[in-house]
């Protein structure tokens, strides 16, 4: 995504696209970036939750009396 933004800026500097097109495309890319960052944050939280549950489960199983 970062590479796309750099390419977009290069096109603007080289006068291959106008400022209105640049702003419209950049806004779309910014929205996509925010969505990806939010999904990444959700995955990190899910991973942390699973890790915490595994620790609790292992601790619980370890403390069970053996036969």
PDB file of N, CA and C in Angstrom:
ATOM      1  N   UNK A   1       0.827  -1.180   0.000  1.00  0.00           N
ATOM      2  CA  UNK A   1       0.000   0.000   0.000  1.00  0.00           C
ATOM      3  C   UNK A   1       0.879   1.254   0.000  1.00  0.00           C
ATOM      4  N   UNK A   2       1.948   1.224   0.789  1.00  0.00           N
ATOM      5  CA  UNK A   2       2.857   2.374   0.832  1.00  0.00           C
ATOM      6  C   UNK A   2       3.457   2.629  -0.552  1.00  0.00           C
ATOM      7  N   UNK A   3       3.774   1.548  -1.249  1.00  0.00           N
ATOM      8  CA  UNK A   3       4.341   1.688  -2.592  1.00  0.00           C
ATOM      9  C   UNK A   3       3.342   2.352  -3.533  1.00  0.00           C
ATOM     10  N   UNK A   4       2.083   2.014  -3.386  1.00  0.00           N
ATOM     11  CA  UNK A   4       1.050   2.643  -4.213  1.00  0.00           C
ATOM     12  C   UNK A   4       0.980   4.141  -3.954  1.00  0.00           C
ATOM     13  N   UNK A   5       1.070   4.523  -2.686  1.00  0.00           N
ATOM     14  CA  UNK A   5       1.022   5.943  -2.358  1.00  0.00           C
ATOM     15  C   UNK A   5       2.219   6.687  -2.944  1.00  0.00           C
ATOM     16  N   UNK A   6       3.385   6.076  -2.890  1.00  0.00           N
ATOM     17  CA  UNK A   6       4.585   6.697  -3.471  1.00  0.00           C
ATOM     18  C   UNK A   6       4.412   6.841  -4.982  1.00  0.00           C
ATOM     19  N   UNK A   7       3.907   5.799  -5.637  1.00  0.00           N
ATOM     20  CA  UNK A   7       3.673   5.867  -7.083  1.00  0.00           C
ATOM     21  C   UNK A   7       2.661   6.952  -7.421  1.00  0.00           C
ATOM     22  N   UNK A   8       1.638   7.074  -6.595  1.00  0.00           N
ATOM     23  CA  UNK A   8       0.624   8.102  -6.801  1.00  0.00           C
ATOM     24  C   UNK A   8       1.242   9.492  -6.684  1.00  0.00           C
ATOM     25  N   UNK A   9       2.081   9.688  -5.689  1.00  0.00           N
ATOM     26  CA  UNK A   9       2.755  10.977  -5.518  1.00  0.00           C
ATOM     27  C   UNK A   9       3.671  11.270  -6.702  1.00  0.00           C
ATOM     28  N   UNK A  10       4.364  10.248  -7.181  1.00  0.00           N
ATOM     29  CA  UNK A  10       5.239  10.428  -8.346  1.00  0.00           C
ATOM     30  C   UNK A  10       4.437  10.867  -9.568  1.00  0.00           C
ATOM     31  N   UNK A  11       3.275  10.263  -9.765  1.00  0.00           N
ATOM     32  CA  UNK A  11       2.439  10.638 -10.905  1.00  0.00           C
ATOM     33  C   UNK A  11       1.966  12.079 -10.789  1.00  0.00           C
ATOM     34  N   UNK A  12       1.665  12.505  -9.582  1.00  0.00           N
ATOM     35  CA  UNK A  12       1.245  13.891  -9.379  1.00  0.00           C
ATOM     36  C   UNK A  12       2.397  14.839  -9.706  1.00  0.00           C
ATOM     37  N   UNK A  13       3.580  14.520  -9.206  1.00  0.00           N
ATOM     38  CA  UNK A  13       4.755  15.364  -9.453  1.00  0.00           C
ATOM     39  C   UNK A  13       5.086  15.416 -10.941  1.00  0.00           C
ATOM     40  N   UNK A  14       4.909  14.302 -11.634  1.00  0.00           N
ATOM     41  CA  UNK A  14       5.211  14.234 -13.069  1.00  0.00           C
ATOM     42  C   UNK A  14       4.060  14.748 -13.933  1.00  0.00           C
ATOM     43  N   UNK A  15       3.036  15.299 -13.313  1.00  0.00           N
ATOM     44  CA  UNK A  15       1.860  15.839 -14.011  1.00  0.00           C
ATOM     45  C   UNK A  15       1.139  14.788 -14.849  1.00  0.00           C
ATOM     46  N   UNK A  16       1.186  13.532 -14.412  1.00  0.00           N
ATOM     47  CA  UNK A  16       0.445  12.477 -15.099  1.00  0.00           C
ATOM     48  C   UNK A  16      -0.998  12.420 -14.611  1.00  0.00           C
ATOM     49  N   UNK A  17      -1.246  12.948 -13.421  1.00  0.00           N
ATOM     50  CA  UNK A  17      -2.607  13.047 -12.888  1.00  0.00           C
ATOM     51  C   UNK A  17      -2.773  14.430 -12.272  1.00  0.00           C
ATOM     52  N   UNK A  18      -4.017  14.862 -12.175  1.00  0.00           N
ATOM     53  CA  UNK A  18      -4.313  16.156 -11.574  1.00  0.00           C
ATOM     54  C   UNK A  18      -4.502  16.036 -10.070  1.00  0.00           C
ATOM     55  N   UNK A  19      -4.575  17.186  -9.425  1.00  0.00           N
ATOM     56  CA  UNK A  19      -4.702  17.207  -7.965  1.00  0.00           C
ATOM     57  C   UNK A  19      -6.027  16.610  -7.503  1.00  0.00           C
ATOM     58  N   UNK A  20      -7.097  16.810  -8.259  1.00  0.00           N
ATOM     59  CA  UNK A  20      -8.391  16.249  -7.849  1.00  0.00           C
ATOM     60  C   UNK A  20      -8.368  14.721  -7.921  1.00  0.00           C
ATOM     61  N   UNK A  21      -7.751  14.186  -8.982  1.00  0.00           N
ATOM     62  CA  UNK A  21      -7.613  12.727  -9.084  1.00  0.00           C
ATOM     63  C   UNK A  21      -6.728  12.197  -7.962  1.00  0.00           C
ATOM     64  N   UNK A  22      -5.642  12.910  -7.699  1.00  0.00           N
ATOM     65  CA  UNK A  22      -4.727  12.514  -6.619  1.00  0.00           C
ATOM     66  C   UNK A  22      -5.471  12.442  -5.289  1.00  0.00           C
ATOM     67  N   UNK A  23      -6.228  13.494  -4.985  1.00  0.00           N
ATOM     68  CA  UNK A  23      -6.946  13.533  -3.707  1.00  0.00           C
ATOM     69  C   UNK A  23      -7.975  12.413  -3.598  1.00  0.00           C
ATOM     70  N   UNK A  24      -8.684  12.134  -4.689  1.00  0.00           N
ATOM     71  CA  UNK A  24      -9.696  11.074  -4.670  1.00  0.00           C
ATOM     72  C   UNK A  24      -9.049   9.705  -4.457  1.00  0.00           C
ATOM     73  N   UNK A  25      -7.975   9.450  -5.184  1.00  0.00           N
ATOM     74  CA  UNK A  25      -7.301   8.152  -5.058  1.00  0.00           C
ATOM     75  C   UNK A  25      -6.640   8.022  -3.694  1.00  0.00           C
ATOM     76  N   UNK A  26      -6.014   9.101  -3.229  1.00  0.00           N
ATOM     77  CA  UNK A  26      -5.351   9.066  -1.925  1.00  0.00           C
ATOM     78  C   UNK A  26      -6.365   8.821  -0.811  1.00  0.00           C
ATOM     79  N   UNK A  27      -7.527   9.434  -0.917  1.00  0.00           N
ATOM     80  CA  UNK A  27      -8.566   9.215   0.092  1.00  0.00           C
ATOM     81  C   UNK A  27      -8.985   7.743   0.111  1.00  0.00           C
ATOM     82  N   UNK A  28      -9.113   7.148  -1.063  1.00  0.00           N
ATOM     83  CA  UNK A  28      -9.466   5.726  -1.143  1.00  0.00           C
ATOM     84  C   UNK A  28      -8.372   4.862  -0.518  1.00  0.00           C
ATOM     85  N   UNK A  29      -7.115   5.157  -0.828  1.00  0.00           N
ATOM     86  CA  UNK A  29      -5.995   4.410  -0.248  1.00  0.00           C
ATOM     87  C   UNK A  29      -5.930   4.594   1.265  1.00  0.00           C
ATOM     88  N   UNK A  30      -6.179   5.817   1.725  1.00  0.00           N
ATOM     89  CA  UNK A  30      -6.162   6.070   3.170  1.00  0.00           C
ATOM     90  C   UNK A  30      -7.235   5.254   3.882  1.00  0.00           C
ATOM     91  N   UNK A  31      -8.409   5.155   3.266  1.00  0.00           N
ATOM     92  CA  UNK A  31      -9.493   4.356   3.839  1.00  0.00           C
ATOM     93  C   UNK A  31      -9.095   2.882   3.890  1.00  0.00           C
ATOM     94  N   UNK A  32      -8.502   2.386   2.814  1.00  0.00           N
ATOM     95  CA  UNK A  32      -8.046   0.993   2.788  1.00  0.00           C
ATOM     96  C   UNK A  32      -6.981   0.754   3.853  1.00  0.00           C
ATOM     97  N   UNK A  33      -6.070   1.723   4.019  1.00  0.00           N
ATOM     98  CA  UNK A  33      -5.015   1.598   5.027  1.00  0.00           C
ATOM     99  C   UNK A  33      -5.609   1.520   6.426  1.00  0.00           C
ATOM    100  N   UNK A  34      -6.571   2.375   6.709  1.00  0.00           N
ATOM    101  CA  UNK A  34      -7.204   2.366   8.028  1.00  0.00           C
ATOM    102  C   UNK A  34      -7.907   1.036   8.284  1.00  0.00           C
ATOM    103  N   UNK A  35      -8.580   0.514   7.257  1.00  0.00           N
ATOM    104  CA  UNK A  35      -9.256  -0.779   7.393  1.00  0.00           C
ATOM    105  C   UNK A  35      -8.250  -1.895   7.683  1.00  0.00           C
ATOM    106  N   UNK A  36      -7.141  -1.889   6.957  1.00  0.00           N
ATOM    107  CA  UNK A  36      -6.111  -2.912   7.173  1.00  0.00           C
ATOM    108  C   UNK A  36      -5.494  -2.798   8.563  1.00  0.00           C
ATOM    109  N   UNK A  37      -5.255  -1.567   9.008  1.00  0.00           N
ATOM    110  CA  UNK A  37      -4.686  -1.370  10.340  1.00  0.00           C
ATOM    111  C   UNK A  37      -5.659  -1.829  11.421  1.00  0.00           C
ATOM    112  N   UNK A  38      -6.949  -1.579  11.207  1.00  0.00           N
ATOM    113  CA  UNK A  38      -7.950  -2.021  12.179  1.00  0.00           C
ATOM    114  C   UNK A  38      -8.012  -3.552  12.220  1.00  0.00           C
ATOM    115  N   UNK A  39      -7.990  -4.190  11.057  1.00  0.00           N
ATOM    116  CA  UNK A  39      -8.004  -5.652  11.011  1.00  0.00           C
ATOM    117  C   UNK A  39      -6.767  -6.223  11.688  1.00  0.00           C
ATOM    118  N   UNK A  40      -5.634  -5.585  11.466  1.00  0.00           N
ATOM    119  CA  UNK A  40      -4.392  -6.039  12.102  1.00  0.00           C
ATOM    120  C   UNK A  40      -4.499  -5.912  13.617  1.00  0.00           C
ATOM    121  N   UNK A  41      -5.045  -4.806  14.076  1.00  0.00           N
ATOM    122  CA  UNK A  41      -5.231  -4.614  15.513  1.00  0.00           C
ATOM    123  C   UNK A  41      -6.154  -5.661  16.106  1.00  0.00           C
ATOM    124  N   UNK A  42      -7.219  -5.985  15.387  1.00  0.00           N
ATOM    125  CA  UNK A  42      -8.145  -7.014  15.852  1.00  0.00           C
ATOM    126  C   UNK A  42      -7.460  -8.370  15.916  1.00  0.00           C
ATOM    127  N   UNK A  43      -6.609  -8.663  14.939  1.00  0.00           N
ATOM    128  CA  UNK A  43      -5.904  -9.946  14.934  1.00  0.00           C
ATOM    129  C   UNK A  43      -4.918 -10.026  16.088  1.00  0.00           C
ATOM    130  N   UNK A  44      -4.251  -8.928  16.376  1.00  0.00           N
ATOM    131  CA  UNK A  44      -3.306  -8.908  17.491  1.00  0.00           C
ATOM    132  C   UNK A  44      -4.046  -9.169  18.795  1.00  0.00           C
ATOM    133  N   UNK A  45      -5.211  -8.544  18.957  1.00  0.00           N
ATOM    134  CA  UNK A  45      -5.994  -8.745  20.175  1.00  0.00           C
ATOM    135  C   UNK A  45      -6.472 -10.185  20.261  1.00  0.00           C
ATOM    136  N   UNK A  46      -6.927 -10.747  19.146  1.00  0.00           N
ATOM    137  CA  UNK A  46      -7.380 -12.137  19.129  1.00  0.00           C
ATOM    138  C   UNK A  46      -6.232 -13.072  19.487  1.00  0.00           C
ATOM    139  N   UNK A  47      -5.067 -12.813  18.923  1.00  0.00           N
ATOM    140  CA  UNK A  47      -3.895 -13.627  19.232  1.00  0.00           C
ATOM    141  C   UNK A  47      -3.566 -13.540  20.717  1.00  0.00           C
ATOM    142  N   UNK A  48      -3.640 -12.352  21.273  1.00  0.00           N
ATOM    143  CA  UNK A  48      -3.363 -12.160  22.699  1.00  0.00           C
ATOM    144  C   UNK A  48      -4.403 -12.902  23.541  1.00  0.00           C
ATOM    145  N   UNK A  49      -5.670 -12.829  23.162  1.00  0.00           N
ATOM    146  CA  UNK A  49      -6.726 -13.530  23.897  1.00  0.00           C
ATOM    147  C   UNK A  49      -6.505 -15.041  23.870  1.00  0.00           C
ATOM    148  N   UNK A  50      -6.160 -15.574  22.709  1.00  0.00           N
ATOM    149  CA  UNK A  50      -5.905 -17.012  22.591  1.00  0.00           C
ATOM    150  C   UNK A  50      -4.709 -17.400  23.446  1.00  0.00           C
ATOM    151  N   UNK A  51      -3.664 -16.599  23.424  1.00  0.00           N
ATOM    152  CA  UNK A  51      -2.477 -16.855  24.236  1.00  0.00           C
ATOM    153  C   UNK A  51      -2.846 -16.890  25.720  1.00  0.00           C
ATOM    154  N   UNK A  52      -3.626 -15.915  26.164  1.00  0.00           N
ATOM    155  CA  UNK A  52      -4.040 -15.877  27.571  1.00  0.00           C
ATOM    156  C   UNK A  52      -4.869 -17.108  27.941  1.00  0.00           C
ATOM    157  N   UNK A  53      -5.758 -17.526  27.042  1.00  0.00           N
ATOM    158  CA  UNK A  53      -6.573 -18.708  27.303  1.00  0.00           C
ATOM    159  C   UNK A  53      -5.714 -19.967  27.370  1.00  0.00           C
ATOM    160  N   UNK A  54      -4.732 -20.059  26.515  1.00  0.00           N
ATOM    161  CA  UNK A  54      -3.832 -21.215  26.551  1.00  0.00           C
ATOM    162  C   UNK A  54      -3.039 -21.260  27.857  1.00  0.00           C
ATOM    163  N   UNK A  55      -2.548 -20.128  28.295  1.00  0.00           N
ATOM    164  CA  UNK A  55      -1.821 -20.086  29.565  1.00  0.00           C
ATOM    165  C   UNK A  55      -2.711 -20.539  30.718  1.00  0.00           C
ATOM    166  N   UNK A  56      -3.934 -20.038  30.733  1.00  0.00           N
ATOM    167  CA  UNK A  56      -4.875 -20.421  31.781  1.00  0.00           C
ATOM    168  C   UNK A  56      -5.156 -21.922  31.711  1.00  0.00           C
ATOM    169  N   UNK A  57      -5.375 -22.434  30.504  1.00  0.00           N
ATOM    170  CA  UNK A  57      -5.683 -23.859  30.341  1.00  0.00           C
ATOM    171  C   UNK A  57      -4.522 -24.735  30.790  1.00  0.00           C
ATOM    172  N   UNK A  58      -3.312 -24.373  30.402  1.00  0.00           N
ATOM    173  CA  UNK A  58      -2.144 -25.159  30.814  1.00  0.00           C
ATOM    174  C   UNK A  58      -1.969 -25.126  32.327  1.00  0.00           C
ATOM    175  N   UNK A  59      -2.184 -23.971  32.906  1.00  0.00           N
ATOM    176  CA  UNK A  59      -2.069 -23.846  34.358  1.00  0.00           C
ATOM    177  C   UNK A  59      -3.121 -24.716  35.045  1.00  0.00           C
ATOM    178  N   UNK A  60      -4.334 -24.681  34.521  1.00  0.00           N
ATOM    179  CA  UNK A  60      -5.422 -25.480  35.080  1.00  0.00           C
ATOM    180  C   UNK A  60      -5.109 -26.971  34.975  1.00  0.00           C
ATOM    181  N   UNK A  61      -4.672 -27.402  33.793  1.00  0.00           N
ATOM    182  CA  UNK A  61      -4.362 -28.817  33.587  1.00  0.00           C
ATOM    183  C   UNK A  61      -3.192 -29.270  34.454  1.00  0.00           C
ATOM    184  N   UNK A  62      -2.226 -28.417  34.625  1.00  0.00           N
ATOM    185  CA  UNK A  62      -1.058 -28.753  35.429  1.00  0.00           C
ATOM    186  C   UNK A  62      -1.456 -28.988  36.890  1.00  0.00           C
ATOM    187  N   UNK A  63      -2.447 -28.245  37.358  1.00  0.00           N
ATOM    188  CA  UNK A  63      -2.865 -28.333  38.755  1.00  0.00           C
ATOM    189  C   UNK A  63      -3.873 -29.448  39.030  1.00  0.00           C
ATOM    190  N   UNK A  64      -4.316 -30.156  37.993  1.00  0.00           N
ATOM    191  CA  UNK A  64      -5.237 -31.272  38.210  1.00  0.00           C
ATOM    192  C   UNK A  64      -4.494 -32.402  38.921  1.00  0.00           C
ATOM    193  N   UNK A  65      -5.175 -33.054  39.839  1.00  0.00           N
ATOM    194  CA  UNK A  65      -4.506 -34.171  40.518  1.00  0.00           C
ATOM    195  C   UNK A  65      -4.287 -35.328  39.544  1.00  0.00           C
ATOM    196  N   UNK A  66      -3.197 -36.005  39.696  1.00  0.00           N
ATOM    197  CA  UNK A  66      -2.923 -37.160  38.843  1.00  0.00           C
ATOM    198  C   UNK A  66      -3.475 -38.413  39.514  1.00  0.00           C
ATOM    199  N   UNK A  67      -3.624 -39.469  38.759  1.00  0.00           N
ATOM    200  CA  UNK A  67      -4.182 -40.720  39.299  1.00  0.00           C
ATOM    201  C   UNK A  67      -3.255 -41.357  40.260  1.00  0.00           C
TER     202      UNK A  67
END
